[in-house]
Amino acid sequence: MLHPKTRQKLSAAARGLFVAVLMFATLFPFYWTLLISLKTQNDAFQVPPDLLFVPTLENYSELFVAGDFTKYFFNSFVVCFFSIVLALLVGIPSAYIFARSEFRGKKAFFYVLLITRMSPGAVFVIPYFLAYNKLGMLDTYVGLTLIYFASNLGIIVWSLRAFMEDIPVSLEEAARIDGCSLLQSLFKIAIPLSTPGIASTAILSFIFSWNEFLFALLLTRQKVQTAPIGILNFIVFERMNWGVIAAGSIVIALPVVVFGIAIRKYYVKGLTQGGLAGE
């Protein structure tokens, strides 16, 4: 029988080892991609790997200068920004209605809304393609923005409803006594108290939209290609330019990392306080 202090030390050591292994498994692919992006094509696949190499920015230069990656990066930013803003503008009031109102078909409509996020994109891509082809919306900012908006709306409503249900109704009743309307209660009470949830759902929606591949591949051409699709231009018949592809992967990952760090306190608080609501 182990002494209690010994068990505590072993437990702490096991937890530390588990965290270390998890961090290694998570960060090592990013680290190795970064190394490849800073190496020449010959150095990148040298066996055994040379860790004492002279870094080069040739891959990043080719990515933005010769590869015109700036356009693809801008397209991703525009589509993600407007789709998330639009989804929040619609999703926040919708979540408030689901949290505070009762109406016929509420539960059924709520789950139908969630299906748009949980269903695989392959289910919708053919109908979208046929409809967009008829409407002339292929390879347009509006077309891709609307798809990302529809994809993110379900998860935003689903998550924010849980936060708004946790807000004491007595606060809103007191505001009503003071003369606040339903809309004023939303903006003065519900939204400020749901800031952690809004931040967490915003970054999740940003990650989903920023990394989305299938819709951007099939519904865009040259004009509105996003960054994940732009990397494919460096896969040609003659060779696979792995250094430039790795550089593009690092550039694509940076906005998500920066955005996540910027709102990390709201994000962590949102994940611990909110979560996904159930019926």
Protein backbone atom coordinates (compact mmCIF):
# COMPACT_ATOMS: atom_id res chain seq x y z
CA MET A 1 0.00 0.00 0.00
CA LEU A 2 1.54 3.28 -1.13
CA HIS A 3 1.77 6.23 1.17
CA PRO A 4 -0.77 9.01 0.31
CA LYS A 5 2.02 11.49 -0.45
CA THR A 6 3.69 8.95 -2.73
CA ARG A 7 0.43 8.40 -4.58
CA GLN A 8 0.02 12.14 -5.00
CA LYS A 9 3.54 12.47 -6.41
CA LEU A 10 3.00 9.57 -8.82
CA SER A 11 -0.34 11.01 -9.86
CA ALA A 12 1.21 14.43 -10.46
CA ALA A 13 4.06 12.84 -12.44
CA ALA A 14 1.59 10.84 -14.56
CA ARG A 15 -0.45 13.97 -15.28
CA GLY A 16 2.70 15.88 -16.20
CA LEU A 17 3.83 13.09 -18.51
CA PHE A 18 0.42 12.93 -20.16
CA VAL A 19 0.39 16.72 -20.75
CA ALA A 20 3.94 16.57 -22.14
CA VAL A 21 3.06 13.77 -24.57
CA LEU A 22 -0.11 15.58 -25.61
CA MET A 23 1.76 18.84 -26.22
CA PHE A 24 4.44 17.04 -28.21
CA ALA A 25 1.88 15.28 -30.39
CA THR A 26 0.05 18.57 -30.94
CA LEU A 27 2.99 20.89 -31.56
CA PHE A 28 5.46 18.62 -33.35
CA PRO A 29 3.68 18.70 -36.77
CA PHE A 30 3.59 22.52 -36.58
CA TYR A 31 7.26 22.60 -35.59
CA TRP A 32 8.29 20.27 -38.42
CA THR A 33 6.25 22.24 -40.96
CA LEU A 34 7.98 25.42 -39.79
CA LEU A 35 11.39 23.78 -40.27
CA ILE A 36 10.52 22.69 -43.82
CA SER A 37 9.31 26.19 -44.65
CA LEU A 38 12.72 27.59 -43.61
CA LYS A 39 14.77 25.06 -45.61
CA THR A 40 15.62 24.66 -49.26
CA GLN A 41 14.06 21.80 -51.20
CA ASN A 42 17.23 19.70 -50.87
CA ASP A 43 17.70 20.36 -47.15
CA ALA A 44 14.04 19.67 -46.35
CA PHE A 45 14.31 15.95 -47.18
CA GLN A 46 17.86 15.27 -46.15
CA VAL A 47 18.30 11.97 -44.29
CA PRO A 48 19.06 12.14 -41.44
CA PRO A 49 17.43 15.57 -40.92
CA ASP A 50 19.87 18.42 -40.46
CA LEU A 51 18.74 20.51 -37.49
CA LEU A 52 21.75 22.85 -37.75
CA PHE A 53 20.85 24.55 -41.03
CA VAL A 54 20.92 28.13 -42.25
CA PRO A 55 17.29 29.37 -42.38
CA THR A 56 16.07 30.88 -45.61
CA LEU A 57 12.97 32.92 -46.51
CA GLU A 58 13.03 31.85 -50.16
CA ASN A 59 9.86 29.80 -49.74
CA TYR A 60 7.95 32.72 -48.24
CA SER A 61 9.23 35.02 -50.98
CA GLU A 62 8.06 32.61 -53.66
CA LEU A 63 4.75 32.16 -51.86
CA PHE A 64 3.82 35.85 -51.91
CA VAL A 65 5.74 37.15 -54.91
CA ALA A 66 5.66 34.40 -57.51
CA GLY A 67 2.64 32.54 -56.16
CA ASP A 68 0.33 35.53 -55.66
CA PHE A 69 -0.72 34.09 -52.29
CA THR A 70 -1.67 37.56 -51.01
CA LYS A 71 -4.84 37.47 -53.12
CA TYR A 72 -5.91 34.10 -51.70
CA PHE A 73 -5.16 35.26 -48.16
CA PHE A 74 -7.23 38.40 -48.69
CA ASN A 75 -10.12 36.33 -50.08
CA SER A 76 -10.10 34.11 -46.99
CA PHE A 77 -10.09 37.10 -44.69
CA VAL A 78 -12.97 38.86 -46.47
CA VAL A 79 -15.19 35.78 -46.65
CA CYS A 80 -14.50 34.70 -43.04
CA PHE A 81 -14.94 38.19 -41.59
CA PHE A 82 -18.27 38.96 -43.24
CA SER A 83 -19.68 35.46 -42.74
CA ILE A 84 -18.91 35.53 -39.00
CA VAL A 85 -20.22 39.08 -38.55
CA LEU A 86 -23.42 38.17 -40.38
CA ALA A 87 -23.79 34.90 -38.43
CA LEU A 88 -23.36 36.74 -35.11
CA LEU A 89 -25.84 39.46 -36.10
CA VAL A 90 -28.45 36.81 -36.85
CA GLY A 91 -27.36 34.18 -34.32
CA ILE A 92 -27.28 36.31 -31.15
CA PRO A 93 -30.93 37.48 -31.37
CA SER A 94 -31.97 33.98 -32.48
CA ALA A 95 -30.27 32.40 -29.48
CA TYR A 96 -31.97 34.92 -27.21
CA ILE A 97 -35.37 34.04 -28.67
CA PHE A 98 -34.72 30.32 -28.18
CA ALA A 99 -33.61 30.94 -24.60
CA ARG A 100 -36.48 33.20 -23.56
CA SER A 101 -39.47 32.38 -25.77
CA GLU A 102 -41.78 29.41 -26.26
CA PHE A 103 -43.39 28.75 -29.62
CA ARG A 104 -44.76 25.83 -31.58
CA GLY A 105 -42.10 23.71 -33.26
CA LYS A 106 -39.29 25.29 -31.25
CA LYS A 107 -37.48 22.04 -30.51
CA ALA A 108 -37.82 20.68 -34.06
CA PHE A 109 -36.64 23.94 -35.62
CA PHE A 110 -33.74 24.10 -33.19
CA TYR A 111 -32.45 20.68 -34.22
CA VAL A 112 -33.00 21.36 -37.91
CA LEU A 113 -30.82 24.45 -37.50
CA LEU A 114 -28.11 22.39 -35.84
CA ILE A 115 -28.12 19.80 -38.66
CA THR A 116 -26.72 22.45 -41.02
CA ARG A 117 -23.51 22.40 -38.94
CA MET A 118 -23.31 18.71 -38.07
CA SER A 119 -24.01 17.30 -41.54
CA PRO A 120 -20.98 16.72 -43.80
CA GLY A 121 -20.42 19.32 -46.47
CA ALA A 122 -20.70 16.71 -49.22
CA VAL A 123 -24.44 16.51 -48.52
CA PHE A 124 -24.95 20.14 -49.55
CA VAL A 125 -22.23 20.82 -52.10
CA ILE A 126 -24.09 19.48 -55.16
CA PRO A 127 -27.34 21.40 -54.46
CA TYR A 128 -25.29 24.53 -53.76
CA PHE A 129 -23.34 24.08 -56.99
CA LEU A 130 -26.47 23.62 -59.12
CA ALA A 131 -28.24 26.58 -57.49
CA TYR A 132 -25.21 28.86 -57.71
CA ASN A 133 -24.63 27.89 -61.33
CA LYS A 134 -28.21 28.92 -62.19
CA LEU A 135 -27.98 32.15 -60.19
CA GLY A 136 -24.53 33.11 -61.44
CA MET A 137 -23.06 33.05 -57.94
CA LEU A 138 -20.17 30.67 -58.55
CA ASP A 139 -16.79 32.20 -57.73
CA THR A 140 -18.29 35.20 -55.90
CA TYR A 141 -17.68 36.64 -52.45
CA VAL A 142 -21.41 36.73 -51.74
CA GLY A 143 -21.90 33.07 -52.63
CA LEU A 144 -19.09 31.73 -50.44
CA THR A 145 -19.95 34.12 -47.59
CA LEU A 146 -23.56 32.90 -47.53
CA ILE A 147 -22.43 29.28 -47.34
CA TYR A 148 -20.08 29.95 -44.42
CA PHE A 149 -22.81 32.02 -42.76
CA ALA A 150 -25.28 29.13 -43.02
CA SER A 151 -22.68 26.65 -41.75
CA ASN A 152 -21.79 28.72 -38.67
CA LEU A 153 -25.27 29.91 -37.75
CA GLY A 154 -26.32 26.59 -36.21
CA ILE A 155 -23.35 26.27 -33.85
CA ILE A 156 -23.62 29.94 -32.84
CA VAL A 157 -27.30 29.65 -31.92
CA TRP A 158 -26.77 26.29 -30.21
CA SER A 159 -23.89 27.53 -28.06
CA LEU A 160 -25.17 31.01 -27.20
CA ARG A 161 -28.56 29.69 -26.14
CA ALA A 162 -26.84 27.89 -23.26
CA PHE A 163 -25.21 31.12 -22.08
CA MET A 164 -28.38 33.14 -22.28
CA GLU A 165 -30.38 30.50 -20.42
CA ASP A 166 -27.89 30.83 -17.54
CA ILE A 167 -28.55 34.57 -17.25
CA PRO A 168 -31.00 35.12 -14.35
CA VAL A 169 -34.41 36.11 -15.65
CA SER A 170 -34.75 38.41 -12.63
CA LEU A 171 -32.19 40.78 -14.16
CA GLU A 172 -34.29 41.20 -17.27
CA GLU A 173 -37.49 41.53 -15.25
CA ALA A 174 -35.90 44.32 -13.22
CA ALA A 175 -34.87 46.01 -16.47
CA ARG A 176 -38.41 45.70 -17.79
CA ILE A 177 -39.72 47.39 -14.63
CA ASP A 178 -37.28 50.22 -15.28
CA GLY A 179 -38.74 50.63 -18.76
CA CYS A 180 -36.41 48.53 -20.95
CA SER A 181 -37.90 46.90 -24.00
CA LEU A 182 -37.08 43.35 -25.12
CA LEU A 183 -34.49 44.70 -27.55
CA GLN A 184 -32.90 46.87 -24.87
CA SER A 185 -32.72 43.88 -22.52
CA LEU A 186 -30.87 41.99 -25.22
CA PHE A 187 -28.26 44.70 -25.80
CA LYS A 188 -27.87 45.94 -22.20
CA ILE A 189 -28.06 42.64 -20.29
CA ALA A 190 -27.93 39.48 -22.39
CA ILE A 191 -25.12 40.41 -24.76
CA PRO A 192 -22.72 41.92 -22.14
CA LEU A 193 -23.18 38.90 -19.86
CA SER A 194 -22.70 36.49 -22.79
CA THR A 195 -19.40 38.04 -23.95
CA PRO A 196 -17.33 34.90 -23.11
CA GLY A 197 -19.75 32.75 -25.09
CA ILE A 198 -19.75 35.14 -28.04
CA ALA A 199 -15.94 35.15 -28.06
CA SER A 200 -15.67 31.35 -27.92
CA THR A 201 -18.24 30.79 -30.67
CA ALA A 202 -16.64 33.52 -32.78
CA ILE A 203 -13.23 31.85 -32.74
CA LEU A 204 -14.73 28.42 -33.39
CA SER A 205 -16.65 29.83 -36.35
CA PHE A 206 -13.50 31.56 -37.57
CA ILE A 207 -11.53 28.32 -37.44
CA PHE A 208 -14.25 26.39 -39.28
CA SER A 209 -14.51 29.03 -42.01
CA TRP A 210 -10.79 29.74 -42.32
CA ASN A 211 -9.89 26.06 -42.74
CA GLU A 212 -12.89 25.10 -44.91
CA PHE A 213 -11.80 23.31 -48.07
CA LEU A 214 -14.62 21.49 -49.88
CA PHE A 215 -16.97 24.40 -50.67
CA ALA A 216 -14.07 26.70 -51.50
CA LEU A 217 -12.65 24.09 -53.87
CA LEU A 218 -15.85 23.33 -55.79
CA LEU A 219 -17.63 26.71 -55.75
CA THR A 220 -14.74 29.03 -56.62
CA ARG A 221 -12.45 29.42 -59.59
CA GLN A 222 -9.67 32.02 -59.82
CA LYS A 223 -11.38 35.14 -58.51
CA VAL A 224 -12.42 34.07 -54.98
CA GLN A 225 -10.09 31.17 -54.25
CA THR A 226 -9.25 31.03 -50.55
CA ALA A 227 -5.87 30.39 -48.95
CA PRO A 228 -6.28 26.60 -48.42
CA ILE A 229 -7.14 26.26 -52.12
CA GLY A 230 -4.33 28.60 -53.17
CA ILE A 231 -1.78 26.17 -51.75
CA LEU A 232 -2.89 23.62 -54.35
CA ASN A 233 -1.39 25.84 -57.05
CA PHE A 234 2.05 24.77 -55.86
CA ILE A 235 1.29 21.12 -56.56
CA VAL A 236 2.19 20.82 -60.23
CA PHE A 237 3.00 17.99 -62.60
CA GLU A 238 6.74 18.57 -62.51
CA ARG A 239 7.19 18.56 -58.74
CA MET A 240 5.70 19.06 -55.29
CA ASN A 241 7.10 22.32 -53.93
CA TRP A 242 6.97 21.24 -50.30
CA GLY A 243 8.88 24.23 -48.98
CA VAL A 244 6.36 26.73 -50.38
CA ILE A 245 3.44 24.52 -49.33
CA ALA A 246 4.84 24.42 -45.77
CA ALA A 247 5.29 28.21 -45.81
CA GLY A 248 1.68 28.62 -46.92
CA SER A 249 0.51 26.31 -44.14
CA ILE A 250 2.34 28.40 -41.53
CA VAL A 251 0.88 31.63 -42.89
CA ILE A 252 -2.63 30.14 -42.84
CA ALA A 253 -2.21 28.98 -39.24
CA LEU A 254 -0.93 32.32 -37.92
CA PRO A 255 -4.26 34.27 -37.95
CA VAL A 256 -5.99 31.53 -35.98
CA VAL A 257 -3.16 31.46 -33.43
CA VAL A 258 -3.08 35.27 -33.09
CA PHE A 259 -6.87 35.50 -32.85
CA GLY A 260 -6.98 32.74 -30.25
CA ILE A 261 -4.28 34.35 -28.11
CA ALA A 262 -5.97 37.76 -28.33
CA ILE A 263 -9.25 36.51 -26.87
CA ARG A 264 -7.95 33.54 -24.89
CA LYS A 265 -9.35 34.69 -21.54
CA TYR A 266 -12.84 35.00 -23.01
CA TYR A 267 -12.44 31.75 -24.92
CA VAL A 268 -11.41 29.68 -21.88
CA LYS A 269 -14.13 31.24 -19.77
CA GLY A 270 -16.66 30.56 -22.49
CA LEU A 271 -15.71 26.90 -22.80
CA THR A 272 -15.89 26.33 -19.04
CA GLN A 273 -19.09 28.26 -18.38
CA GLY A 274 -21.06 27.47 -21.51
CA GLY A 275 -20.73 24.46 -23.68
CA LEU A 276 -23.33 22.84 -25.83
CA ALA A 277 -26.84 22.79 -24.53
CA GLY A 278 -29.01 19.77 -24.68
CA GLU A 279 -32.69 19.19 -24.65
